[in-house]
């Protein structure tokens, strides 16, 4: 999929085909989300709408939509999200985290689970990956130094490729961010 989703800090996300058509804003109702993205695949919980085919989850708080999360890793067929002209989905995790730290401009930052996860108050963004790139690279080098070859070495190389980009990027409302901190 070549189309991207545009994230708008503390406002919402703008969708274009094939994902949907329109903007989901923080505070929107489930019906407004469905009008943009269509029927969700799973409505087991009223607090979250799941769009697995599009790698999107829409979370609701007391006042409507308060968090939108996107599966973004291109190695896992993630969606492309852009924020302020930056393609965050395809950006190296280290470069992405450094960019967002700089653009967070001294606002609150939750980095207690870094480098796997960060929450940036000013842009209202979260980024997450299950496995740190530095760890994957270290394990690959250890495998090479230990003489690992063939399929086993390919496994470690694949782990590095999978860790190059964040697995999930989220966009939160001001209320969501305030509750987080």
N, C-alpha and C. Protein backbone atom coordinates (compact mmCIF):
# COMPACT_ATOMS: atom_id res chain seq x y z
N UNK A 1 0.84 -1.18 0.00
CA UNK A 1 0.00 0.00 0.00
C UNK A 1 0.88 1.24 0.00
N UNK A 2 0.64 2.12 -0.91
CA UNK A 2 1.48 3.30 -1.03
C UNK A 2 0.88 4.52 -0.37
N UNK A 3 -0.38 4.49 -0.08
CA UNK A 3 -1.04 5.62 0.55
C UNK A 3 -0.59 5.76 1.99
N UNK A 4 -0.49 6.99 2.46
CA UNK A 4 -0.09 7.17 3.85
C UNK A 4 -1.22 7.81 4.65
N UNK A 5 -1.06 7.71 5.95
CA UNK A 5 -2.00 8.29 6.90
C UNK A 5 -1.27 9.47 7.53
N UNK A 6 -1.94 10.61 7.58
CA UNK A 6 -1.32 11.81 8.13
C UNK A 6 -1.76 12.00 9.57
N UNK A 7 -0.78 12.04 10.48
CA UNK A 7 -1.05 12.26 11.90
C UNK A 7 -1.02 13.75 12.18
N UNK A 8 -2.01 14.23 12.91
CA UNK A 8 -2.11 15.64 13.26
C UNK A 8 -2.09 15.73 14.79
N UNK A 9 -0.99 16.24 15.34
CA UNK A 9 -0.81 16.26 16.79
C UNK A 9 -2.02 16.81 17.52
N UNK A 10 -2.45 16.06 18.53
CA UNK A 10 -3.53 16.43 19.44
C UNK A 10 -4.86 16.71 18.75
N UNK A 11 -4.94 16.37 17.45
CA UNK A 11 -6.19 16.57 16.71
C UNK A 11 -6.76 15.24 16.23
N UNK A 12 -5.93 14.45 15.53
CA UNK A 12 -6.41 13.18 15.01
C UNK A 12 -5.59 12.72 13.83
N UNK A 13 -6.20 11.94 12.96
CA UNK A 13 -5.49 11.37 11.82
C UNK A 13 -6.36 11.48 10.57
N UNK A 14 -5.69 11.80 9.47
CA UNK A 14 -6.38 11.94 8.19
C UNK A 14 -6.10 10.69 7.36
N UNK A 15 -7.17 10.07 6.87
CA UNK A 15 -7.09 8.82 6.13
C UNK A 15 -7.48 9.04 4.67
N UNK A 16 -6.82 8.30 3.80
CA UNK A 16 -7.16 8.28 2.38
C UNK A 16 -7.26 6.82 1.95
N UNK A 17 -7.86 6.56 0.83
CA UNK A 17 -8.00 5.21 0.31
C UNK A 17 -6.62 4.57 0.23
N UNK A 18 -6.43 3.36 0.57
CA UNK A 18 -7.42 2.31 0.78
C UNK A 18 -7.88 2.16 2.22
N UNK A 19 -7.44 3.02 3.12
CA UNK A 19 -7.75 2.87 4.54
C UNK A 19 -9.14 3.38 4.90
N UNK A 20 -9.56 4.42 4.26
CA UNK A 20 -10.82 5.07 4.56
C UNK A 20 -10.83 6.40 3.85
N UNK A 21 -11.75 7.25 4.23
CA UNK A 21 -11.82 8.56 3.61
C UNK A 21 -12.28 9.57 4.64
N UNK A 22 -11.36 10.46 5.05
CA UNK A 22 -11.72 11.49 6.00
C UNK A 22 -10.77 11.55 7.18
N UNK A 23 -11.19 12.30 8.17
CA UNK A 23 -10.37 12.52 9.35
C UNK A 23 -11.09 12.00 10.59
N UNK A 24 -10.36 11.29 11.41
CA UNK A 24 -10.86 10.89 12.73
C UNK A 24 -10.24 11.87 13.70
N UNK A 25 -11.10 12.52 14.47
CA UNK A 25 -10.64 13.52 15.44
C UNK A 25 -10.82 12.98 16.85
N UNK A 26 -9.95 13.44 17.73
CA UNK A 26 -10.11 13.06 19.13
C UNK A 26 -11.44 13.60 19.61
N UNK A 27 -12.17 12.75 20.33
CA UNK A 27 -13.51 13.09 20.79
C UNK A 27 -14.59 12.50 19.91
N UNK A 28 -14.24 12.01 18.71
CA UNK A 28 -15.24 11.41 17.83
C UNK A 28 -15.86 10.17 18.48
N UNK A 29 -17.09 9.89 18.06
CA UNK A 29 -17.79 8.69 18.53
C UNK A 29 -17.42 7.49 17.67
N UNK A 30 -17.83 6.30 18.11
CA UNK A 30 -17.60 5.08 17.33
C UNK A 30 -18.27 5.19 15.97
N UNK A 31 -19.44 5.79 15.92
CA UNK A 31 -20.16 5.94 14.65
C UNK A 31 -19.38 6.84 13.69
N UNK A 32 -18.75 7.88 14.19
CA UNK A 32 -17.96 8.75 13.35
C UNK A 32 -16.72 8.02 12.82
N UNK A 33 -16.12 7.17 13.65
CA UNK A 33 -14.97 6.38 13.20
C UNK A 33 -15.40 5.43 12.10
N UNK A 34 -16.52 4.74 12.28
CA UNK A 34 -17.03 3.81 11.29
C UNK A 34 -17.33 4.53 9.98
N UNK A 35 -17.79 5.76 10.05
CA UNK A 35 -18.06 6.53 8.83
C UNK A 35 -16.79 6.78 8.03
N UNK A 36 -15.65 6.83 8.70
CA UNK A 36 -14.37 7.06 8.01
C UNK A 36 -13.71 5.75 7.61
N UNK A 37 -13.62 4.79 8.53
CA UNK A 37 -12.86 3.56 8.30
C UNK A 37 -13.71 2.34 7.93
N UNK A 38 -15.02 2.46 8.05
CA UNK A 38 -15.88 1.31 7.79
C UNK A 38 -16.07 0.49 9.06
N UNK A 39 -16.75 -0.62 8.90
CA UNK A 39 -17.02 -1.49 10.04
C UNK A 39 -15.72 -2.16 10.52
N UNK A 40 -15.50 -2.18 11.82
CA UNK A 40 -14.32 -2.86 12.34
C UNK A 40 -14.48 -4.37 12.22
N UNK A 41 -13.36 -5.07 12.27
CA UNK A 41 -13.41 -6.53 12.21
C UNK A 41 -13.80 -7.13 13.55
N UNK A 42 -13.57 -6.40 14.61
CA UNK A 42 -13.76 -6.96 15.93
C UNK A 42 -14.34 -5.89 16.85
N UNK A 43 -15.48 -6.18 17.42
CA UNK A 43 -16.10 -5.25 18.38
C UNK A 43 -16.28 -5.94 19.72
N UNK A 44 -15.29 -6.73 20.12
CA UNK A 44 -15.40 -7.45 21.38
C UNK A 44 -15.41 -6.51 22.57
N UNK A 45 -14.67 -5.42 22.44
CA UNK A 45 -14.62 -4.44 23.53
C UNK A 45 -15.11 -3.11 23.01
N UNK A 46 -15.98 -2.48 23.75
CA UNK A 46 -16.52 -1.19 23.33
C UNK A 46 -15.47 -0.09 23.37
N UNK A 47 -14.40 -0.31 24.12
CA UNK A 47 -13.39 0.73 24.27
C UNK A 47 -12.37 0.77 23.13
N UNK A 48 -12.40 -0.23 22.24
CA UNK A 48 -11.44 -0.29 21.14
C UNK A 48 -12.08 -0.86 19.89
N UNK A 49 -11.83 -0.21 18.75
CA UNK A 49 -12.23 -0.75 17.45
C UNK A 49 -10.97 -1.25 16.77
N UNK A 50 -11.02 -2.49 16.26
CA UNK A 50 -9.87 -3.11 15.62
C UNK A 50 -10.09 -3.19 14.11
N UNK A 51 -9.12 -2.72 13.37
CA UNK A 51 -9.11 -2.80 11.91
C UNK A 51 -7.83 -3.54 11.51
N UNK A 52 -7.84 -4.85 11.71
CA UNK A 52 -6.64 -5.65 11.47
C UNK A 52 -6.17 -5.57 10.03
N UNK A 53 -7.11 -5.55 9.08
CA UNK A 53 -6.73 -5.48 7.66
C UNK A 53 -5.97 -4.19 7.34
N UNK A 54 -6.18 -3.16 8.14
CA UNK A 54 -5.50 -1.88 7.92
C UNK A 54 -4.47 -1.58 9.00
N UNK A 55 -4.27 -2.51 9.94
CA UNK A 55 -3.28 -2.34 11.01
C UNK A 55 -3.56 -1.12 11.89
N UNK A 56 -4.82 -0.91 12.23
CA UNK A 56 -5.23 0.26 12.99
C UNK A 56 -6.10 -0.17 14.18
N UNK A 57 -5.86 0.45 15.33
CA UNK A 57 -6.72 0.31 16.50
C UNK A 57 -7.14 1.71 16.93
N UNK A 58 -8.42 1.88 17.21
CA UNK A 58 -8.94 3.16 17.68
C UNK A 58 -9.47 2.94 19.09
N UNK A 59 -8.89 3.66 20.05
CA UNK A 59 -9.23 3.52 21.47
C UNK A 59 -10.11 4.69 21.91
N UNK A 60 -11.08 4.37 22.78
CA UNK A 60 -12.02 5.38 23.27
C UNK A 60 -11.86 5.58 24.77
N UNK A 61 -11.99 6.83 25.18
CA UNK A 61 -12.04 7.19 26.58
C UNK A 61 -13.42 7.72 26.90
N UNK A 62 -13.57 8.42 28.00
CA UNK A 62 -14.87 8.95 28.41
C UNK A 62 -15.44 9.95 27.42
N UNK A 63 -14.57 10.63 26.67
CA UNK A 63 -15.03 11.68 25.75
C UNK A 63 -14.86 11.32 24.28
N UNK A 64 -14.87 10.04 23.96
CA UNK A 64 -14.73 9.61 22.57
C UNK A 64 -13.31 9.14 22.27
N UNK A 65 -12.93 9.19 21.00
CA UNK A 65 -11.60 8.73 20.58
C UNK A 65 -10.55 9.49 21.38
N UNK A 66 -9.59 8.73 21.97
CA UNK A 66 -8.50 9.40 22.68
C UNK A 66 -7.12 8.88 22.31
N UNK A 67 -7.07 7.77 21.53
CA UNK A 67 -5.77 7.24 21.12
C UNK A 67 -5.98 6.41 19.86
N UNK A 68 -5.08 6.56 18.89
CA UNK A 68 -5.13 5.78 17.66
C UNK A 68 -3.74 5.16 17.49
N UNK A 69 -3.72 3.85 17.29
CA UNK A 69 -2.44 3.16 17.16
C UNK A 69 -2.37 2.46 15.80
N UNK A 70 -1.18 2.54 15.21
CA UNK A 70 -0.95 2.00 13.88
C UNK A 70 0.20 1.01 13.92
N UNK A 71 0.01 -0.17 13.32
CA UNK A 71 1.11 -1.11 13.12
C UNK A 71 1.85 -0.61 11.88
N UNK A 72 3.11 -0.21 12.06
CA UNK A 72 3.80 0.54 11.02
C UNK A 72 5.04 -0.12 10.43
N UNK A 73 5.52 -1.19 11.00
CA UNK A 73 6.78 -1.75 10.55
C UNK A 73 6.67 -2.26 9.11
N UNK A 74 7.45 -1.69 8.19
CA UNK A 74 7.35 -2.12 6.79
C UNK A 74 7.75 -3.58 6.58
N UNK A 75 8.58 -4.13 7.46
CA UNK A 75 8.96 -5.54 7.36
C UNK A 75 7.79 -6.46 7.72
N UNK A 76 6.76 -5.89 8.34
CA UNK A 76 5.58 -6.67 8.74
C UNK A 76 4.33 -6.15 8.02
N UNK A 77 4.54 -5.54 6.84
CA UNK A 77 3.44 -4.99 6.03
C UNK A 77 2.63 -3.94 6.76
N UNK A 78 3.30 -3.12 7.54
CA UNK A 78 2.63 -2.06 8.29
C UNK A 78 2.19 -0.91 7.39
N UNK A 79 1.35 -0.07 7.94
CA UNK A 79 0.87 1.10 7.22
C UNK A 79 1.92 2.21 7.29
N UNK A 80 1.81 3.14 6.39
CA UNK A 80 2.71 4.28 6.36
C UNK A 80 2.03 5.46 7.03
N UNK A 81 2.69 6.01 8.07
CA UNK A 81 2.16 7.20 8.72
C UNK A 81 3.17 8.34 8.56
N UNK A 82 2.63 9.51 8.33
CA UNK A 82 3.44 10.71 8.21
C UNK A 82 3.02 11.69 9.30
N UNK A 83 3.99 12.41 9.80
CA UNK A 83 3.74 13.44 10.79
C UNK A 83 4.67 14.61 10.47
N UNK A 84 4.09 15.78 10.31
CA UNK A 84 4.87 17.00 10.06
C UNK A 84 5.85 16.81 8.89
N UNK A 85 5.43 16.08 7.86
CA UNK A 85 6.27 15.87 6.69
C UNK A 85 7.28 14.74 6.82
N UNK A 86 7.33 14.07 7.95
CA UNK A 86 8.26 12.96 8.17
C UNK A 86 7.54 11.64 8.02
N UNK A 87 8.11 10.72 7.26
CA UNK A 87 7.58 9.37 7.13
C UNK A 87 8.14 8.57 8.30
N UNK A 88 7.40 8.52 9.40
CA UNK A 88 7.88 7.85 10.61
C UNK A 88 7.95 6.34 10.46
N UNK A 89 7.11 5.78 9.61
CA UNK A 89 7.04 4.32 9.45
C UNK A 89 8.32 3.72 8.91
N UNK A 90 8.96 4.42 8.00
CA UNK A 90 10.16 3.88 7.35
C UNK A 90 11.46 4.45 7.91
N UNK A 91 11.34 5.24 8.95
CA UNK A 91 12.52 5.86 9.55
C UNK A 91 13.20 4.88 10.51
N UNK A 92 14.50 4.82 10.46
CA UNK A 92 15.28 4.02 11.38
C UNK A 92 14.89 4.40 12.82
N UNK A 93 14.76 3.42 13.71
CA UNK A 93 14.28 3.67 15.06
C UNK A 93 15.15 4.67 15.83
N UNK A 94 16.44 4.60 15.64
CA UNK A 94 17.33 5.52 16.35
C UNK A 94 17.13 6.94 15.84
N UNK A 95 17.08 7.11 14.52
CA UNK A 95 16.85 8.43 13.93
C UNK A 95 15.48 8.97 14.30
N UNK A 96 14.47 8.10 14.29
CA UNK A 96 13.11 8.52 14.64
C UNK A 96 13.03 9.00 16.08
N UNK A 97 13.60 8.22 17.00
CA UNK A 97 13.57 8.61 18.41
C UNK A 97 14.31 9.92 18.63
N UNK A 98 15.45 10.08 17.99
CA UNK A 98 16.22 11.33 18.14
C UNK A 98 15.46 12.53 17.58
N UNK A 99 14.84 12.35 16.43
CA UNK A 99 14.03 13.42 15.83
C UNK A 99 12.90 13.82 16.77
N UNK A 100 12.16 12.84 17.27
CA UNK A 100 11.01 13.14 18.13
C UNK A 100 11.45 13.74 19.47
N UNK A 101 12.59 13.31 19.99
CA UNK A 101 13.12 13.94 21.21
C UNK A 101 13.40 15.42 20.96
N UNK A 102 14.04 15.70 19.84
CA UNK A 102 14.36 17.09 19.50
C UNK A 102 13.09 17.92 19.31
N UNK A 103 12.11 17.38 18.63
CA UNK A 103 10.88 18.11 18.35
C UNK A 103 9.92 18.12 19.54
N UNK A 104 10.19 17.32 20.55
CA UNK A 104 9.41 17.34 21.79
C UNK A 104 9.71 18.61 22.56
N UNK A 105 10.83 19.24 22.27
CA UNK A 105 11.18 20.58 22.73
C UNK A 105 11.10 20.76 24.25
N UNK A 106 11.63 19.78 24.99
CA UNK A 106 11.67 19.90 26.44
C UNK A 106 10.39 19.52 27.16
N UNK A 107 9.35 19.14 26.42
CA UNK A 107 8.10 18.69 27.05
C UNK A 107 8.35 17.33 27.70
N UNK A 108 7.37 16.86 28.43
CA UNK A 108 7.52 15.57 29.12
C UNK A 108 7.80 14.44 28.13
N UNK A 109 8.66 13.54 28.56
CA UNK A 109 9.08 12.41 27.76
C UNK A 109 9.11 11.18 28.67
N UNK A 110 8.42 10.14 28.27
CA UNK A 110 8.49 8.88 29.01
C UNK A 110 9.43 7.97 28.23
N UNK A 111 10.60 7.73 28.82
CA UNK A 111 11.58 6.88 28.17
C UNK A 111 12.10 5.80 29.11
N UNK A 112 11.30 5.46 30.11
CA UNK A 112 11.71 4.44 31.07
C UNK A 112 11.82 3.05 30.45
N UNK A 113 11.23 2.85 29.27
CA UNK A 113 11.35 1.57 28.59
C UNK A 113 12.17 1.69 27.30
N UNK A 114 12.94 2.77 27.21
CA UNK A 114 13.78 3.00 26.03
C UNK A 114 14.87 1.94 25.95
N UNK A 115 15.27 1.56 24.79
CA UNK A 115 14.96 2.13 23.48
C UNK A 115 13.77 1.46 22.78
N UNK A 116 13.06 0.56 23.48
CA UNK A 116 11.92 -0.10 22.85
C UNK A 116 10.68 0.79 22.76
N UNK A 117 10.52 1.73 23.69
CA UNK A 117 9.29 2.50 23.76
C UNK A 117 9.54 3.91 24.28
N UNK A 118 8.84 4.88 23.67
CA UNK A 118 8.90 6.28 24.09
C UNK A 118 7.50 6.89 23.99
N UNK A 119 7.24 7.86 24.84
CA UNK A 119 6.02 8.66 24.75
C UNK A 119 6.46 10.12 24.76
N UNK A 120 6.04 10.87 23.75
CA UNK A 120 6.43 12.26 23.58
C UNK A 120 5.21 13.16 23.77
N UNK A 121 5.26 14.00 24.79
CA UNK A 121 4.10 14.82 25.13
C UNK A 121 3.75 15.86 24.07
N UNK A 122 4.73 16.66 23.65
CA UNK A 122 4.41 17.78 22.76
C UNK A 122 3.76 17.33 21.45
N UNK A 123 4.35 16.36 20.73
CA UNK A 123 3.67 15.93 19.50
C UNK A 123 2.52 14.97 19.75
N UNK A 124 2.41 14.45 20.99
CA UNK A 124 1.33 13.51 21.29
C UNK A 124 1.53 12.16 20.64
N UNK A 125 2.79 11.75 20.51
CA UNK A 125 3.12 10.50 19.82
C UNK A 125 3.72 9.46 20.75
N UNK A 126 3.45 8.20 20.44
CA UNK A 126 4.10 7.08 21.11
C UNK A 126 4.75 6.23 20.03
N UNK A 127 5.87 5.61 20.36
CA UNK A 127 6.52 4.67 19.45
C UNK A 127 6.89 3.43 20.25
N UNK A 128 6.82 2.27 19.60
CA UNK A 128 7.07 1.02 20.30
C UNK A 128 7.64 -0.03 19.35
N UNK A 129 8.53 -0.83 19.87
CA UNK A 129 9.02 -2.01 19.17
C UNK A 129 9.26 -3.09 20.21
N UNK A 130 9.08 -4.36 19.85
CA UNK A 130 9.24 -5.43 20.84
C UNK A 130 10.68 -5.76 21.17
N UNK A 131 11.60 -5.35 20.29
CA UNK A 131 12.98 -5.78 20.43
C UNK A 131 13.89 -4.66 19.95
N UNK A 132 14.80 -4.21 20.79
CA UNK A 132 15.65 -3.06 20.46
C UNK A 132 16.63 -3.38 19.34
N UNK A 133 16.78 -2.44 18.43
CA UNK A 133 17.70 -2.57 17.31
C UNK A 133 19.12 -2.83 17.80
N UNK A 134 19.57 -2.11 18.81
CA UNK A 134 20.93 -2.30 19.32
C UNK A 134 21.14 -3.73 19.81
N UNK A 135 20.13 -4.30 20.47
CA UNK A 135 20.24 -5.69 20.94
C UNK A 135 20.30 -6.66 19.76
N UNK A 136 19.48 -6.42 18.74
CA UNK A 136 19.47 -7.29 17.56
C UNK A 136 20.82 -7.24 16.85
N UNK A 137 21.37 -6.03 16.73
CA UNK A 137 22.68 -5.90 16.08
C UNK A 137 23.77 -6.61 16.89
N UNK A 138 23.72 -6.46 18.21
CA UNK A 138 24.71 -7.10 19.08
C UNK A 138 24.64 -8.62 18.95
N UNK A 139 23.44 -9.17 18.94
CA UNK A 139 23.29 -10.62 18.81
C UNK A 139 23.77 -11.11 17.45
N UNK A 140 23.56 -10.31 16.40
CA UNK A 140 24.05 -10.67 15.08
C UNK A 140 25.57 -10.72 15.07
N UNK A 141 26.19 -9.71 15.64
CA UNK A 141 27.66 -9.68 15.68
C UNK A 141 28.22 -10.83 16.51
N UNK A 142 27.57 -11.16 17.62
CA UNK A 142 28.00 -12.30 18.44
C UNK A 142 27.88 -13.60 17.65
N UNK A 143 26.79 -13.72 16.88
CA UNK A 143 26.60 -14.92 16.07
C UNK A 143 27.70 -15.03 15.01
N UNK A 144 27.98 -13.93 14.35
CA UNK A 144 29.05 -13.93 13.33
C UNK A 144 30.40 -14.27 13.96
N UNK A 145 30.68 -13.64 15.11
CA UNK A 145 31.95 -13.90 15.79
C UNK A 145 32.05 -15.35 16.26
N UNK A 146 30.92 -15.94 16.55
CA UNK A 146 30.88 -17.32 17.01
C UNK A 146 30.87 -18.33 15.87
N UNK A 147 30.94 -17.83 14.63
CA UNK A 147 30.98 -18.73 13.49
C UNK A 147 29.64 -19.25 13.01
N UNK A 148 28.56 -18.63 13.45
CA UNK A 148 27.24 -19.06 13.01
C UNK A 148 27.10 -18.76 11.52
N UNK A 149 26.51 -19.72 10.78
CA UNK A 149 26.35 -19.56 9.33
C UNK A 149 24.98 -20.06 8.90
N UNK A 150 24.70 -19.90 7.61
CA UNK A 150 23.50 -20.46 6.99
C UNK A 150 22.21 -19.90 7.56
N UNK A 151 21.24 -20.81 7.70
CA UNK A 151 19.90 -20.41 8.14
C UNK A 151 19.91 -19.79 9.53
N UNK A 152 20.78 -20.28 10.38
CA UNK A 152 20.85 -19.73 11.73
C UNK A 152 21.31 -18.28 11.69
N UNK A 153 22.30 -17.96 10.87
CA UNK A 153 22.76 -16.59 10.72
C UNK A 153 21.67 -15.73 10.07
N UNK A 154 20.95 -16.30 9.11
CA UNK A 154 19.85 -15.58 8.47
C UNK A 154 18.80 -15.16 9.48
N UNK A 155 18.57 -15.99 10.48
CA UNK A 155 17.62 -15.64 11.54
C UNK A 155 18.04 -14.34 12.22
N UNK A 156 19.31 -14.23 12.60
CA UNK A 156 19.80 -13.03 13.27
C UNK A 156 19.75 -11.81 12.34
N UNK A 157 20.04 -12.01 11.07
CA UNK A 157 19.94 -10.92 10.09
C UNK A 157 18.50 -10.44 9.95
N UNK A 158 17.58 -11.37 9.95
CA UNK A 158 16.15 -11.04 9.87
C UNK A 158 15.72 -10.25 11.11
N UNK A 159 16.21 -10.64 12.28
CA UNK A 159 15.87 -9.92 13.51
C UNK A 159 16.33 -8.45 13.43
N UNK A 160 17.49 -8.22 12.84
CA UNK A 160 17.98 -6.84 12.67
C UNK A 160 17.05 -6.08 11.72
N UNK A 161 16.68 -6.70 10.61
CA UNK A 161 15.77 -6.03 9.66
C UNK A 161 14.44 -5.70 10.34
N UNK A 162 13.92 -6.62 11.15
CA UNK A 162 12.63 -6.41 11.82
C UNK A 162 12.71 -5.30 12.86
N UNK A 163 13.89 -5.09 13.43
CA UNK A 163 14.06 -4.09 14.49
C UNK A 163 14.45 -2.72 13.95
N UNK A 164 14.65 -2.59 12.66
CA UNK A 164 15.08 -1.31 12.06
C UNK A 164 14.05 -0.19 12.23
N UNK A 165 12.76 -0.54 12.21
CA UNK A 165 11.69 0.45 12.30
C UNK A 165 10.78 0.10 13.48
N UNK A 166 10.10 1.11 14.01
CA UNK A 166 9.17 0.85 15.10
C UNK A 166 8.01 -0.01 14.61
N UNK A 167 7.54 -0.90 15.46
CA UNK A 167 6.40 -1.76 15.13
C UNK A 167 5.08 -1.00 15.21
N UNK A 168 4.99 -0.08 16.14
CA UNK A 168 3.73 0.66 16.33
C UNK A 168 4.02 2.12 16.63
N UNK A 169 3.19 2.97 16.05
CA UNK A 169 3.23 4.41 16.31
C UNK A 169 1.82 4.80 16.70
N UNK A 170 1.71 5.51 17.81
CA UNK A 170 0.40 5.92 18.29
C UNK A 170 0.28 7.43 18.37
N UNK A 171 -0.94 7.88 18.32
CA UNK A 171 -1.25 9.31 18.40
C UNK A 171 -2.30 9.50 19.49
N UNK A 172 -1.96 10.32 20.48
CA UNK A 172 -2.86 10.51 21.61
C UNK A 172 -3.39 11.92 21.73
N UNK A 173 -4.58 12.03 22.29
CA UNK A 173 -5.17 13.34 22.58
C UNK A 173 -4.42 13.99 23.74
N UNK A 174 -4.67 15.26 23.97
CA UNK A 174 -4.04 15.93 25.12
C UNK A 174 -4.45 15.25 26.43
N UNK A 175 -5.72 14.87 26.55
CA UNK A 175 -6.18 14.18 27.76
C UNK A 175 -5.45 12.86 27.94
N UNK A 176 -5.29 12.11 26.86
CA UNK A 176 -4.58 10.83 26.93
C UNK A 176 -3.14 11.07 27.39
N UNK A 177 -2.49 12.04 26.81
CA UNK A 177 -1.10 12.33 27.19
C UNK A 177 -1.02 12.78 28.65
N UNK A 178 -1.94 13.62 29.10
CA UNK A 178 -1.92 14.07 30.50
C UNK A 178 -2.12 12.91 31.45
N UNK A 179 -2.97 11.95 31.10
CA UNK A 179 -3.19 10.79 31.95
C UNK A 179 -1.96 9.90 31.98
N UNK A 180 -1.25 9.85 30.86
CA UNK A 180 -0.07 9.00 30.78
C UNK A 180 1.02 9.47 31.73
N UNK A 181 1.18 10.78 31.80
CA UNK A 181 2.23 11.32 32.66
C UNK A 181 1.65 11.56 34.03
